Amino acid sequence: MNKLLTSYTKALYFLFYSLLAIYGCTYSNLDTYKNSEKNEPVIVSTRNPDFIIEQPSTFSWLPESIKIYGYSRSHGFPIQETFKRSIAESLTKSGYEFKQPTNNIVVSSDHIKQGATIKPKDIIIVKNWKWAGVNFGAGEMLREITFDNRSIHTFKDLKLKIDYLGTMGPKEGFAGPTAIFFIHDILPAQSEKKFNDIVVGFRHPDAKQEKIRVLNAKTVTNDLLIGYVFVLEGPLNDEYINRKNGIIKVPSGEDEVLNEYEKGTVIVDVVDAKSRVLVWRGALQARVNFDDPEDRTRKSIELAIQKLVNKFNLSNQ
């Protein structure tokens, strides 16, 4: 009898641990699937490298975003208020200050018409410069160099180029070697500024003429417009969103990729208020099920916005 009970007990233990192993394996696989890349929404973001956001910074709403949604209710809950409250809370915690939007948004004179952009090199003029000495070679220094910034924007991190002309022939203007150097300082808007003791590197001893010009500079922005889009129906792409929101997309010189956003995607835009140039765009599939209760739908959108704003903050570091 005891042997029979022992055998029966062993069988129960075997069955119990077998079921536990099967359940544990199944649970583990399910957990892995829930956290797999297939189920995790991926943030798609683009950053304009020509812009630096410096604190203290303010933000207000992109008027076109408000016009798109109006004050109507869609799918049973107020999308606009959820967007505005969630974005405002996240940005305020990050040190941004809300600025009451106005109907008189002034677009920078640097942008003559929609889609026509002027580069920093076109509006920053090199007025004059003086070398620190008569030596030639590596480690050369400009005693001073003066710029005329004709833009309403402040610039930083100027990238400059020196063309040494006439080094390979008797005529001035004959192309020769070049040198690239940077000035990591602030050039205020609509002003002249002189910089002193700038190391430029190589200076050619045989140059008959020298020309210094601005290649590029980063725009310093403090006043931002925040746009928001929720893809309610069919897919939207970047070109459509830019056009609807009155955003200028500065060409990068590379083949532009137009992202396409499916239904349920949350999109947040950060735009320079003076120029309407896109500074940052982030998109995330919120996985909203409109058959869910309203509270759950709100939380899905709020979570997506928090992730997007966190991604934006990291992009600006």
C-alpha atoms as a PDB file:
ATOM      1  CA  MET A   1       0.000   0.000   0.000  1.00  0.00           C
ATOM      2  CA  ASN A   2       2.839   2.315   0.927  1.00  0.00           C
ATOM      3  CA  LYS A   3       4.572   1.531  -2.358  1.00  0.00           C
ATOM      4  CA  LEU A   4       1.365   2.294  -4.218  1.00  0.00           C
ATOM      5  CA  LEU A   5       1.011   5.665  -2.441  1.00  0.00           C
ATOM      6  CA  THR A   6       4.639   6.467  -3.126  1.00  0.00           C
ATOM      7  CA  SER A   7       4.228   5.705  -6.829  1.00  0.00           C
ATOM      8  CA  TYR A   8       1.014   7.740  -6.935  1.00  0.00           C
ATOM      9  CA  THR A   9       2.705  10.677  -5.178  1.00  0.00           C
ATOM     10  CA  LYS A  10       5.635  10.588  -7.592  1.00  0.00           C
ATOM     11  CA  ALA A  11       3.226  10.629 -10.511  1.00  0.00           C
ATOM     12  CA  LEU A  12       1.414  13.668  -9.111  1.00  0.00           C
ATOM     13  CA  TYR A  13       4.720  15.486  -8.572  1.00  0.00           C
ATOM     14  CA  PHE A  14       5.795  14.657 -12.118  1.00  0.00           C
ATOM     15  CA  LEU A  15       2.478  15.901 -13.526  1.00  0.00           C
ATOM     16  CA  PHE A  16       2.624  19.066 -11.392  1.00  0.00           C
ATOM     17  CA  TYR A  17       6.156  20.028 -12.436  1.00  0.00           C
ATOM     18  CA  SER A  18       5.445  19.141 -16.063  1.00  0.00           C
ATOM     19  CA  LEU A  19       2.450  21.469 -16.095  1.00  0.00           C
ATOM     20  CA  LEU A  20       4.494  24.142 -14.305  1.00  0.00           C
ATOM     21  CA  ALA A  21       7.266  23.847 -16.853  1.00  0.00           C
ATOM     22  CA  ILE A  22       4.818  24.056 -19.738  1.00  0.00           C
ATOM     23  CA  TYR A  23       2.999  27.038 -18.181  1.00  0.00           C
ATOM     24  CA  GLY A  24       6.243  28.742 -17.291  1.00  0.00           C
ATOM     25  CA  CYS A  25       7.573  28.304 -20.816  1.00  0.00           C
ATOM     26  CA  THR A  26       4.313  29.522 -22.323  1.00  0.00           C
ATOM     27  CA  TYR A  27       4.210  32.574 -19.996  1.00  0.00           C
ATOM     28  CA  SER A  28       7.822  33.376 -20.751  1.00  0.00           C
ATOM     29  CA  ASN A  29       7.235  33.247 -24.501  1.00  0.00           C
ATOM     30  CA  LEU A  30       4.099  35.364 -24.169  1.00  0.00           C
ATOM     31  CA  ASP A  31       5.972  37.920 -22.081  1.00  0.00           C
ATOM     32  CA  THR A  32       8.772  38.004 -24.640  1.00  0.00           C
ATOM     33  CA  TYR A  33       6.260  38.492 -27.426  1.00  0.00           C
ATOM     34  CA  LYS A  34       4.576  41.356 -25.607  1.00  0.00           C
ATOM     35  CA  ASN A  35       7.910  43.102 -25.301  1.00  0.00           C
ATOM     36  CA  SER A  36       9.211  42.194 -28.730  1.00  0.00           C
ATOM     37  CA  GLU A  37      10.067  44.799 -31.321  1.00  0.00           C
ATOM     38  CA  LYS A  38       6.988  43.763 -33.270  1.00  0.00           C
ATOM     39  CA  ASN A  39       4.757  45.075 -30.491  1.00  0.00           C
ATOM     40  CA  GLU A  40       6.839  48.053 -29.376  1.00  0.00           C
ATOM     41  CA  PRO A  41       5.960  51.282 -31.212  1.00  0.00           C
ATOM     42  CA  VAL A  42       9.039  52.885 -32.733  1.00  0.00           C
ATOM     43  CA  ILE A  43       9.562  56.636 -32.503  1.00  0.00           C
ATOM     44  CA  VAL A  44      10.315  58.134 -35.907  1.00  0.00           C
ATOM     45  CA  SER A  45      12.014  61.514 -35.442  1.00  0.00           C
ATOM     46  CA  THR A  46      13.907  64.011 -37.568  1.00  0.00           C
ATOM     47  CA  ARG A  47      16.059  66.850 -36.236  1.00  0.00           C
ATOM     48  CA  ASN A  48      17.168  69.945 -38.149  1.00  0.00           C
ATOM     49  CA  PRO A  49      20.906  70.156 -37.307  1.00  0.00           C
ATOM     50  CA  ASP A  50      21.046  73.851 -38.241  1.00  0.00           C
ATOM     51  CA  PHE A  51      19.052  74.899 -35.156  1.00  0.00           C
ATOM     52  CA  ILE A  52      20.118  75.238 -31.532  1.00  0.00           C
ATOM     53  CA  ILE A  53      17.433  75.706 -28.869  1.00  0.00           C
ATOM     54  CA  GLU A  54      18.723  77.684 -25.928  1.00  0.00           C
ATOM     55  CA  GLN A  55      16.981  78.311 -22.621  1.00  0.00           C
ATOM     56  CA  PRO A  56      15.051  80.183 -21.488  1.00  0.00           C
ATOM     57  CA  SER A  57      12.673  79.203 -24.268  1.00  0.00           C
ATOM     58  CA  THR A  58       8.970  79.779 -24.751  1.00  0.00           C
ATOM     59  CA  PHE A  59       6.375  77.867 -26.734  1.00  0.00           C
ATOM     60  CA  SER A  60       2.915  78.507 -28.066  1.00  0.00           C
ATOM     61  CA  TRP A  61       0.604  76.567 -30.330  1.00  0.00           C
ATOM     62  CA  LEU A  62       0.967  76.436 -34.078  1.00  0.00           C
ATOM     63  CA  PRO A  63      -2.297  78.126 -35.187  1.00  0.00           C
ATOM     64  CA  GLU A  64      -2.862  75.652 -38.000  1.00  0.00           C
ATOM     65  CA  SER A  65      -2.967  72.756 -35.531  1.00  0.00           C
ATOM     66  CA  ILE A  66      -5.799  74.418 -33.640  1.00  0.00           C
ATOM     67  CA  LYS A  67      -7.675  75.121 -36.886  1.00  0.00           C
ATOM     68  CA  ILE A  68      -7.428  71.487 -38.011  1.00  0.00           C
ATOM     69  CA  TYR A  69      -9.246  70.118 -34.996  1.00  0.00           C
ATOM     70  CA  GLY A  70     -11.331  73.129 -34.072  1.00  0.00           C
ATOM     71  CA  TYR A  71     -13.380  72.466 -30.966  1.00  0.00           C
ATOM     72  CA  SER A  72     -15.267  69.487 -32.286  1.00  0.00           C
ATOM     73  CA  ARG A  73     -15.257  66.087 -30.671  1.00  0.00           C
ATOM     74  CA  SER A  74     -13.929  63.213 -32.726  1.00  0.00           C
ATOM     75  CA  HIS A  75     -14.462  59.515 -32.019  1.00  0.00           C
ATOM     76  CA  GLY A  76     -16.147  60.410 -28.734  1.00  0.00           C
ATOM     77  CA  PHE A  77     -13.359  62.366 -26.999  1.00  0.00           C
ATOM     78  CA  PRO A  78     -11.749  65.823 -27.386  1.00  0.00           C
ATOM     79  CA  ILE A  79      -8.437  65.138 -29.133  1.00  0.00           C
ATOM     80  CA  GLN A  80      -7.230  68.722 -29.106  1.00  0.00           C
ATOM     81  CA  GLU A  81      -7.508  69.270 -25.364  1.00  0.00           C
ATOM     82  CA  THR A  82      -5.723  65.985 -24.685  1.00  0.00           C
ATOM     83  CA  PHE A  83      -2.887  66.995 -27.009  1.00  0.00           C
ATOM     84  CA  LYS A  84      -2.504  70.521 -25.652  1.00  0.00           C
ATOM     85  CA  ARG A  85      -2.638  69.544 -21.981  1.00  0.00           C
ATOM     86  CA  SER A  86      -0.208  66.625 -22.350  1.00  0.00           C
ATOM     87  CA  ILE A  87       2.311  68.564 -24.456  1.00  0.00           C
ATOM     88  CA  ALA A  88       2.136  71.625 -22.189  1.00  0.00           C
ATOM     89  CA  GLU A  89       2.673  69.559 -19.039  1.00  0.00           C
ATOM     90  CA  SER A  90       5.630  67.686 -20.522  1.00  0.00           C
ATOM     91  CA  LEU A  91       7.354  70.813 -21.909  1.00  0.00           C
ATOM     92  CA  THR A  92       6.764  72.839 -18.747  1.00  0.00           C
ATOM     93  CA  LYS A  93       8.414  70.121 -16.651  1.00  0.00           C
ATOM     94  CA  SER A  94      11.382  70.326 -19.032  1.00  0.00           C
ATOM     95  CA  GLY A  95      11.868  74.060 -18.403  1.00  0.00           C
ATOM     96  CA  TYR A  96       9.897  75.567 -21.295  1.00  0.00           C
ATOM     97  CA  GLU A  97       7.479  78.411 -20.615  1.00  0.00           C
ATOM     98  CA  PHE A  98       4.079  78.667 -22.244  1.00  0.00           C
ATOM     99  CA  LYS A  99       3.490  81.895 -24.155  1.00  0.00           C
ATOM    100  CA  GLN A 100      -0.050  82.903 -25.033  1.00  0.00           C
ATOM    101  CA  PRO A 101      -0.330  82.538 -28.822  1.00  0.00           C
ATOM    102  CA  THR A 102      -1.301  85.526 -30.950  1.00  0.00           C
ATOM    103  CA  ASN A 103      -3.054  85.765 -34.277  1.00  0.00           C
ATOM    104  CA  ASN A 104      -0.300  87.995 -35.638  1.00  0.00           C
ATOM    105  CA  ILE A 105       2.534  85.546 -36.202  1.00  0.00           C
ATOM    106  CA  VAL A 106       5.339  87.406 -37.974  1.00  0.00           C
ATOM    107  CA  VAL A 107       7.270  85.292 -40.431  1.00  0.00           C
ATOM    108  CA  SER A 108      10.935  86.187 -40.749  1.00  0.00           C
ATOM    109  CA  SER A 109      11.919  88.461 -43.627  1.00  0.00           C
ATOM    110  CA  ASP A 110      14.649  85.889 -44.278  1.00  0.00           C
ATOM    111  CA  HIS A 111      11.914  83.788 -45.867  1.00  0.00           C
ATOM    112  CA  ILE A 112      10.419  85.760 -48.712  1.00  0.00           C
ATOM    113  CA  LYS A 113       7.716  83.275 -49.539  1.00  0.00           C
ATOM    114  CA  GLN A 114       6.509  79.871 -48.481  1.00  0.00           C
ATOM    115  CA  GLY A 115       9.172  77.289 -49.188  1.00  0.00           C
ATOM    116  CA  ALA A 116      11.844  79.810 -50.209  1.00  0.00           C
ATOM    117  CA  THR A 117      14.671  79.721 -47.681  1.00  0.00           C
ATOM    118  CA  ILE A 118      17.775  81.835 -47.314  1.00  0.00           C
ATOM    119  CA  LYS A 119      20.851  80.232 -45.822  1.00  0.00           C
ATOM    120  CA  PRO A 120      23.006  81.917 -43.138  1.00  0.00           C
ATOM    121  CA  LYS A 121      25.802  82.286 -45.705  1.00  0.00           C
ATOM    122  CA  ASP A 122      23.526  84.630 -47.693  1.00  0.00           C
ATOM    123  CA  ILE A 123      22.831  87.023 -44.815  1.00  0.00           C
ATOM    124  CA  ILE A 124      26.073  86.983 -42.806  1.00  0.00           C
ATOM    125  CA  ILE A 125      28.636  89.235 -44.469  1.00  0.00           C
ATOM    126  CA  VAL A 126      32.353  89.092 -43.695  1.00  0.00           C
ATOM    127  CA  LYS A 127      33.284  92.794 -43.578  1.00  0.00           C
ATOM    128  CA  ASN A 128      37.017  92.725 -42.876  1.00  0.00           C
ATOM    129  CA  TRP A 129      39.804  90.876 -41.095  1.00  0.00           C
ATOM    130  CA  LYS A 130      43.414  91.331 -39.969  1.00  0.00           C
ATOM    131  CA  TRP A 131      46.109  88.726 -39.446  1.00  0.00           C
ATOM    132  CA  ALA A 132      47.957  88.569 -36.151  1.00  0.00           C
ATOM    133  CA  GLY A 133      51.390  88.447 -37.795  1.00  0.00           C
ATOM    134  CA  VAL A 134      53.358  87.954 -40.983  1.00  0.00           C
ATOM    135  CA  ASN A 135      54.277  84.319 -40.441  1.00  0.00           C
ATOM    136  CA  PHE A 136      52.889  81.609 -42.687  1.00  0.00           C
ATOM    137  CA  GLY A 137      52.084  77.977 -41.993  1.00  0.00           C
ATOM    138  CA  ALA A 138      50.131  76.034 -39.395  1.00  0.00           C
ATOM    139  CA  GLY A 139      48.514  77.687 -36.374  1.00  0.00           C
ATOM    140  CA  GLU A 140      47.898  81.031 -38.048  1.00  0.00           C
ATOM    141  CA  MET A 141      45.675  83.465 -36.169  1.00  0.00           C
ATOM    142  CA  LEU A 142      43.353  86.272 -37.158  1.00  0.00           C
ATOM    143  CA  ARG A 143      43.814  89.225 -34.850  1.00  0.00           C
ATOM    144  CA  GLU A 144      40.271  90.253 -35.657  1.00  0.00           C
ATOM    145  CA  ILE A 145      37.402  89.486 -38.028  1.00  0.00           C
ATOM    146  CA  THR A 146      34.118  91.421 -38.301  1.00  0.00           C
ATOM    147  CA  PHE A 147      30.714  90.123 -39.411  1.00  0.00           C
ATOM    148  CA  ASP A 148      27.520  91.910 -40.389  1.00  0.00           C
ATOM    149  CA  ASN A 149      24.494  89.814 -39.478  1.00  0.00           C
ATOM    150  CA  ARG A 150      21.581  91.150 -41.548  1.00  0.00           C
ATOM    151  CA  SER A 151      19.129  88.550 -40.293  1.00  0.00           C
ATOM    152  CA  ILE A 152      16.577  88.808 -37.476  1.00  0.00           C
ATOM    153  CA  HIS A 153      18.061  85.545 -36.200  1.00  0.00           C
ATOM    154  CA  THR A 154      20.958  85.079 -33.801  1.00  0.00           C
ATOM    155  CA  PHE A 155      23.596  82.611 -34.986  1.00  0.00           C
ATOM    156  CA  LYS A 156      26.182  80.391 -33.346  1.00  0.00           C
ATOM    157  CA  ASP A 157      28.974  78.038 -34.453  1.00  0.00           C
ATOM    158  CA  LEU A 158      29.944  79.800 -37.654  1.00  0.00           C
ATOM    159  CA  LYS A 159      31.700  77.605 -40.203  1.00  0.00           C
ATOM    160  CA  LEU A 160      34.057  79.612 -42.438  1.00  0.00           C
ATOM    161  CA  LYS A 161      36.272  78.986 -45.425  1.00  0.00           C
ATOM    162  CA  ILE A 162      39.404  80.753 -46.617  1.00  0.00           C
ATOM    163  CA  ASP A 163      40.193  80.624 -50.319  1.00  0.00           C
ATOM    164  CA  TYR A 164      43.837  81.338 -51.135  1.00  0.00           C
ATOM    165  CA  LEU A 165      43.901  82.709 -54.663  1.00  0.00           C
ATOM    166  CA  GLY A 166      46.735  83.050 -57.131  1.00  0.00           C
ATOM    167  CA  THR A 167      48.951  80.387 -55.556  1.00  0.00           C
ATOM    168  CA  MET A 168      49.512  78.357 -58.735  1.00  0.00           C
ATOM    169  CA  GLY A 169      49.718  81.011 -61.420  1.00  0.00           C
ATOM    170  CA  PRO A 170      50.546  84.647 -62.112  1.00  0.00           C
ATOM    171  CA  LYS A 171      46.928  85.831 -62.146  1.00  0.00           C
ATOM    172  CA  GLU A 172      44.884  86.707 -59.104  1.00  0.00           C
ATOM    173  CA  GLY A 173      41.766  84.610 -58.847  1.00  0.00           C
ATOM    174  CA  PHE A 174      43.478  81.367 -59.835  1.00  0.00           C
ATOM    175  CA  ALA A 175      42.106  78.728 -57.460  1.00  0.00           C
ATOM    176  CA  GLY A 176      44.450  77.511 -54.757  1.00  0.00           C
ATOM    177  CA  PRO A 177      44.292  75.675 -51.420  1.00  0.00           C
ATOM    178  CA  THR A 178      41.566  76.343 -48.895  1.00  0.00           C
ATOM    179  CA  ALA A 179      41.221  76.236 -45.115  1.00  0.00           C
ATOM    180  CA  ILE A 180      38.144  75.612 -42.959  1.00  0.00           C
ATOM    181  CA  PHE A 181      37.756  77.022 -39.453  1.00  0.00           C
ATOM    182  CA  PHE A 182      34.995  77.601 -36.876  1.00  0.00           C
ATOM    183  CA  ILE A 183      33.953  80.355 -34.497  1.00  0.00           C
ATOM    184  CA  HIS A 184      32.000  78.830 -31.609  1.00  0.00           C
ATOM    185  CA  ASP A 185      30.435  82.031 -30.363  1.00  0.00           C
ATOM    186  CA  ILE A 186      27.240  84.068 -30.598  1.00  0.00           C
ATOM    187  CA  LEU A 187      26.550  86.457 -33.496  1.00  0.00           C
ATOM    188  CA  PRO A 188      23.543  88.575 -32.444  1.00  0.00           C
ATOM    189  CA  ALA A 189      20.694  89.378 -34.822  1.00  0.00           C
ATOM    190  CA  GLN A 190      20.832  92.504 -36.986  1.00  0.00           C
ATOM    191  CA  SER A 191      24.191  93.684 -35.729  1.00  0.00           C
ATOM    192  CA  GLU A 192      27.894  93.862 -36.448  1.00  0.00           C
ATOM    193  CA  LYS A 193      30.311  92.000 -34.207  1.00  0.00           C
ATOM    194  CA  LYS A 194      34.078  91.721 -34.095  1.00  0.00           C
ATOM    195  CA  PHE A 195      35.807  88.520 -32.954  1.00  0.00           C
ATOM    196  CA  ASN A 196      39.427  88.567 -31.809  1.00  0.00           C
ATOM    197  CA  ASP A 197      42.292  86.044 -31.797  1.00  0.00           C
ATOM    198  CA  ILE A 198      40.753  83.320 -33.964  1.00  0.00           C
ATOM    199  CA  VAL A 199      42.981  80.378 -34.876  1.00  0.00           C
ATOM    200  CA  VAL A 200      42.363  79.416 -38.507  1.00  0.00           C
ATOM    201  CA  GLY A 201      45.080  76.842 -39.102  1.00  0.00           C
ATOM    202  CA  PHE A 202      47.023  76.866 -42.374  1.00  0.00           C
ATOM    203  CA  ARG A 203      47.812  80.112 -44.221  1.00  0.00           C
ATOM    204  CA  HIS A 204      49.392  79.780 -47.651  1.00  0.00           C
ATOM    205  CA  PRO A 205      52.622  81.798 -48.125  1.00  0.00           C
ATOM    206  CA  ASP A 206      52.207  82.303 -51.888  1.00  0.00           C
ATOM    207  CA  ALA A 207      48.618  83.597 -51.938  1.00  0.00           C
ATOM    208  CA  LYS A 208      48.182  86.791 -53.883  1.00  0.00           C
ATOM    209  CA  GLN A 209      44.671  87.217 -52.562  1.00  0.00           C
ATOM    210  CA  GLU A 210      42.584  85.779 -49.721  1.00  0.00           C
ATOM    211  CA  LYS A 211      38.841  85.476 -49.478  1.00  0.00           C
ATOM    212  CA  ILE A 212      36.926  84.509 -46.316  1.00  0.00           C
ATOM    213  CA  ARG A 213      33.290  83.523 -46.513  1.00  0.00           C
ATOM    214  CA  VAL A 214      30.622  81.927 -44.326  1.00  0.00           C
ATOM    215  CA  LEU A 215      29.698  78.369 -45.248  1.00  0.00           C
ATOM    216  CA  ASN A 216      27.075  77.788 -42.599  1.00  0.00           C
ATOM    217  CA  ALA A 217      25.946  78.680 -39.077  1.00  0.00           C
ATOM    218  CA  LYS A 218      23.475  77.325 -36.565  1.00  0.00           C
ATOM    219  CA  THR A 219      20.371  79.352 -35.823  1.00  0.00           C
ATOM    220  CA  VAL A 220      19.721  80.063 -32.154  1.00  0.00           C
ATOM    221  CA  THR A 221      16.018  79.929 -31.361  1.00  0.00           C
ATOM    222  CA  ASN A 222      14.152  80.611 -28.136  1.00  0.00           C
ATOM    223  CA  ASP A 223      10.612  81.126 -29.400  1.00  0.00           C
ATOM    224  CA  LEU A 224       8.921  77.925 -30.561  1.00  0.00           C
ATOM    225  CA  LEU A 225       5.609  76.935 -32.083  1.00  0.00           C
ATOM    226  CA  ILE A 226       4.306  73.469 -31.239  1.00  0.00           C
ATOM    227  CA  GLY A 227       2.170  71.637 -33.767  1.00  0.00           C
ATOM    228  CA  TYR A 228       0.326  68.372 -33.241  1.00  0.00           C
ATOM    229  CA  VAL A 229      -1.309  65.901 -35.584  1.00  0.00           C
ATOM    230  CA  PHE A 230      -3.310  62.751 -34.907  1.00  0.00           C
ATOM    231  CA  VAL A 231      -3.812  60.563 -37.959  1.00  0.00           C
ATOM    232  CA  LEU A 232      -7.493  59.708 -37.738  1.00  0.00           C
ATOM    233  CA  GLU A 233      -7.994  58.099 -41.121  1.00  0.00           C
ATOM    234  CA  GLY A 234      -5.765  57.063 -44.040  1.00  0.00           C
ATOM    235  CA  PRO A 235      -1.983  57.557 -44.111  1.00  0.00           C
ATOM    236  CA  LEU A 236      -0.423  61.040 -44.190  1.00  0.00           C
ATOM    237  CA  ASN A 237       3.096  61.960 -45.261  1.00  0.00           C
ATOM    238  CA  ASP A 238       5.541  64.729 -44.321  1.00  0.00           C
ATOM    239  CA  GLU A 239       4.815  66.816 -47.397  1.00  0.00           C
ATOM    240  CA  TYR A 240       1.080  66.930 -46.664  1.00  0.00           C
ATOM    241  CA  ILE A 241       1.630  67.848 -42.988  1.00  0.00           C
ATOM    242  CA  ASN A 242       4.109  70.606 -43.872  1.00  0.00           C
ATOM    243  CA  ARG A 243       1.667  72.124 -46.335  1.00  0.00           C
ATOM    244  CA  LYS A 244      -1.303  71.955 -43.954  1.00  0.00           C
ATOM    245  CA  ASN A 245       0.669  73.430 -41.045  1.00  0.00           C
ATOM    246  CA  GLY A 246       2.426  76.136 -43.073  1.00  0.00           C
ATOM    247  CA  ILE A 247       5.846  74.708 -42.205  1.00  0.00           C
ATOM    248  CA  ILE A 248       8.969  75.369 -44.247  1.00  0.00           C
ATOM    249  CA  LYS A 249      11.162  72.315 -44.694  1.00  0.00           C
ATOM    250  CA  VAL A 250      14.720  73.394 -45.414  1.00  0.00           C
ATOM    251  CA  PRO A 251      16.325  71.050 -47.970  1.00  0.00           C
ATOM    252  CA  SER A 252      19.261  69.157 -46.488  1.00  0.00           C
ATOM    253  CA  GLY A 253      21.047  68.587 -49.778  1.00  0.00           C
ATOM    254  CA  GLU A 254      20.390  64.861 -49.532  1.00  0.00           C
ATOM    255  CA  ASP A 255      17.611  62.810 -51.069  1.00  0.00           C
ATOM    256  CA  GLU A 256      14.623  63.630 -48.894  1.00  0.00           C
ATOM    257  CA  VAL A 257      12.711  60.720 -47.376  1.00  0.00           C
ATOM    258  CA  LEU A 258       8.994  61.366 -46.997  1.00  0.00           C
ATOM    259  CA  ASN A 259       7.779  59.372 -44.012  1.00  0.00           C
ATOM    260  CA  GLU A 260       4.261  57.999 -44.188  1.00  0.00           C
ATOM    261  CA  TYR A 261       2.183  57.799 -41.021  1.00  0.00           C
ATOM    262  CA  GLU A 262      -0.610  55.253 -40.552  1.00  0.00           C
ATOM    263  CA  LYS A 263      -3.926  55.680 -38.755  1.00  0.00           C
ATOM    264  CA  GLY A 264      -3.448  56.108 -34.998  1.00  0.00           C
ATOM    265  CA  THR A 265      -0.076  57.888 -35.258  1.00  0.00           C
ATOM    266  CA  VAL A 266       0.629  60.790 -32.895  1.00  0.00           C
ATOM    267  CA  ILE A 267       2.870  63.514 -34.397  1.00  0.00           C
ATOM    268  CA  VAL A 268       4.484  66.439 -32.553  1.00  0.00           C
ATOM    269  CA  ASP A 269       6.223  69.279 -34.435  1.00  0.00           C
ATOM    270  CA  VAL A 270       8.632  71.856 -32.999  1.00  0.00           C
ATOM    271  CA  VAL A 271       8.864  74.907 -35.272  1.00  0.00           C
ATOM    272  CA  ASP A 272      10.960  78.074 -35.123  1.00  0.00           C
ATOM    273  CA  ALA A 273       8.411  80.863 -34.586  1.00  0.00           C
ATOM    274  CA  LYS A 274      10.253  83.495 -36.624  1.00  0.00           C
ATOM    275  CA  SER A 275      10.914  81.509 -39.775  1.00  0.00           C
ATOM    276  CA  ARG A 276       8.348  78.682 -39.647  1.00  0.00           C
ATOM    277  CA  VAL A 277      11.222  76.280 -40.313  1.00  0.00           C
ATOM    278  CA  LEU A 278      10.783  72.795 -38.873  1.00  0.00           C
ATOM    279  CA  VAL A 279      13.224  72.227 -35.995  1.00  0.00           C
ATOM    280  CA  TRP A 280      12.106  68.743 -34.906  1.00  0.00           C
ATOM    281  CA  ARG A 281       9.372  66.236 -35.749  1.00  0.00           C
ATOM    282  CA  GLY A 282       8.521  63.108 -33.833  1.00  0.00           C
ATOM    283  CA  ALA A 283       5.922  60.447 -34.609  1.00  0.00           C
ATOM    284  CA  LEU A 284       4.740  57.436 -32.618  1.00  0.00           C
ATOM    285  CA  GLN A 285       2.008  54.896 -33.213  1.00  0.00           C
ATOM    286  CA  ALA A 286      -0.256  55.299 -30.170  1.00  0.00           C
ATOM    287  CA  ARG A 287      -2.096  51.996 -30.782  1.00  0.00           C
ATOM    288  CA  VAL A 288      -5.427  53.629 -30.015  1.00  0.00           C
ATOM    289  CA  ASN A 289      -8.499  51.425 -30.167  1.00  0.00           C
ATOM    290  CA  PHE A 290     -11.537  53.680 -30.435  1.00  0.00           C
ATOM    291  CA  ASP A 291     -13.716  50.874 -29.078  1.00  0.00           C
ATOM    292  CA  ASP A 292     -11.858  51.197 -25.765  1.00  0.00           C
ATOM    293  CA  PRO A 293     -13.216  53.352 -22.930  1.00  0.00           C
ATOM    294  CA  GLU A 294     -12.417  57.063 -23.220  1.00  0.00           C
ATOM    295  CA  ASP A 295      -9.992  57.037 -20.279  1.00  0.00           C
ATOM    296  CA  ARG A 296      -7.897  54.303 -21.854  1.00  0.00           C
ATOM    297  CA  THR A 297      -7.795  56.174 -25.168  1.00  0.00           C
ATOM    298  CA  ARG A 298      -6.656  59.342 -23.415  1.00  0.00           C
ATOM    299  CA  LYS A 299      -3.919  57.479 -21.566  1.00  0.00           C
ATOM    300  CA  SER A 300      -2.627  55.951 -24.809  1.00  0.00           C
ATOM    301  CA  ILE A 301      -2.272  59.387 -26.381  1.00  0.00           C
ATOM    302  CA  GLU A 302      -0.778  60.909 -23.214  1.00  0.00           C
ATOM    303  CA  LEU A 303       1.818  58.140 -23.017  1.00  0.00           C
ATOM    304  CA  ALA A 304       2.753  58.627 -26.677  1.00  0.00           C
ATOM    305  CA  ILE A 305       3.173  62.386 -26.167  1.00  0.00           C
ATOM    306  CA  GLN A 306       5.357  61.901 -23.072  1.00  0.00           C
ATOM    307  CA  LYS A 307       7.642  59.578 -25.032  1.00  0.00           C
ATOM    308  CA  LEU A 308       7.853  62.035 -27.929  1.00  0.00           C
ATOM    309  CA  VAL A 309       8.667  65.029 -25.718  1.00  0.00           C
ATOM    310  CA  ASN A 310      11.337  62.987 -23.920  1.00  0.00           C
ATOM    311  CA  LYS A 311      12.839  62.106 -27.292  1.00  0.00           C
ATOM    312  CA  PHE A 312      12.779  65.776 -28.303  1.00  0.00           C
ATOM    313  CA  ASN A 313      14.571  66.813 -25.101  1.00  0.00           C
ATOM    314  CA  LEU A 314      17.296  64.239 -25.730  1.00  0.00           C
ATOM    315  CA  SER A 315      17.737  65.502 -29.295  1.00  0.00           C
ATOM    316  CA  ASN A 316      18.503  68.984 -28.000  1.00  0.00           C
ATOM    317  CA  GLN A 317      21.314  67.977 -25.641  1.00  0.00           C
END
